[in-house]
Protein backbone atom coordinates (compact mmCIF):
# COMPACT_ATOMS: atom_id res chain seq x y z
CA UNK A 1 45.49 -17.55 5.66
CA UNK A 2 43.56 -20.01 3.47
CA UNK A 3 40.15 -19.46 1.88
CA UNK A 4 37.19 -21.48 3.19
CA UNK A 5 33.41 -21.71 2.75
CA UNK A 6 32.16 -19.82 5.82
CA UNK A 7 28.60 -19.41 7.17
CA UNK A 8 28.10 -15.95 8.70
CA UNK A 9 25.37 -15.19 11.27
CA UNK A 10 24.21 -11.65 12.07
CA UNK A 11 21.41 -10.58 14.42
CA UNK A 12 18.26 -10.00 12.42
CA UNK A 13 17.40 -6.26 12.23
CA UNK A 14 13.87 -6.35 13.65
CA UNK A 15 11.67 -3.26 13.20
CA UNK A 16 8.57 -2.35 15.20
CA UNK A 17 5.41 -3.17 13.25
CA UNK A 18 6.86 -6.13 11.34
CA UNK A 19 4.74 -9.24 10.90
CA UNK A 20 7.05 -12.24 11.20
CA UNK A 21 6.85 -16.03 11.19
CA UNK A 22 9.34 -18.10 13.16
CA UNK A 23 9.87 -21.69 12.11
CA UNK A 24 11.87 -24.53 13.58
CA UNK A 25 12.17 -23.36 17.20
CA UNK A 26 10.10 -23.44 20.37
CA UNK A 27 8.99 -19.85 19.59
CA UNK A 28 7.53 -20.92 16.25
CA UNK A 29 4.46 -19.17 14.93
CA UNK A 30 3.29 -15.78 13.73
CA UNK A 31 4.23 -12.66 15.67
CA UNK A 32 4.05 -8.88 15.51
CA UNK A 33 7.17 -6.99 16.51
CA UNK A 34 6.15 -4.37 19.08
CA UNK A 35 9.46 -2.98 20.33
CA UNK A 36 13.16 -3.45 19.66
CA UNK A 37 16.12 -2.40 21.79
CA UNK A 38 19.81 -3.15 21.46
CA UNK A 39 19.46 -6.55 23.16
CA UNK A 40 15.72 -7.28 23.42
CA UNK A 41 12.71 -7.73 21.15
CA UNK A 42 9.08 -7.60 22.28
CA UNK A 43 6.69 -9.76 20.26
CA UNK A 44 2.90 -10.15 20.40
CA UNK A 45 0.94 -13.22 19.36
CA UNK A 46 -1.84 -12.15 16.91
CA UNK A 47 -4.20 -14.85 18.26
CA UNK A 48 -3.86 -14.64 22.06
CA UNK A 49 -2.46 -11.08 22.12
CA UNK A 50 0.08 -12.25 24.73
CA UNK A 51 3.30 -10.26 24.69
CA UNK A 52 6.80 -11.57 25.32
CA UNK A 53 10.12 -9.79 25.68
CA UNK A 54 13.09 -11.94 24.72
CA UNK A 55 16.78 -11.52 24.12
CA UNK A 56 17.46 -11.12 20.40
CA UNK A 57 17.43 -14.69 19.09
CA UNK A 58 16.87 -14.64 15.32
CA UNK A 59 19.80 -14.45 12.97
CA UNK A 60 20.13 -13.95 9.24
CA UNK A 61 22.70 -16.23 7.66
CA UNK A 62 24.70 -16.20 4.48
CA UNK A 63 27.41 -18.39 3.07
CA UNK A 64 30.51 -17.00 1.44
CA UNK A 65 32.90 -18.90 -0.82
CA UNK A 66 36.60 -18.17 -0.61
CA UNK A 67 36.25 -16.32 2.70
CA UNK A 68 39.26 -16.00 4.99
CA UNK A 69 38.89 -18.05 8.15
CA UNK A 70 39.48 -17.53 11.00
CA UNK A 71 39.40 -13.74 11.05
CA UNK A 72 41.65 -11.79 13.35
CA UNK A 73 39.73 -10.06 16.20
CA UNK A 74 40.10 -6.63 14.57
CA UNK A 75 38.47 -7.74 11.27
């Protein structure tokens, strides 16, 4: 297996009470994280106080040099 430069995406670990800012998507803006479950996050707008529950949609990314790619399913 050869080494490659690989970008890795992981779901962002939201925590209730966080103040976040989303940029570059239709959900852009400032939000407060109200509740987090395994698959959903509930956010509140600090201006309108409207609340929304969405599937987890934010991801933290990193790039790794010399990473094996593709990984076998068990890795």
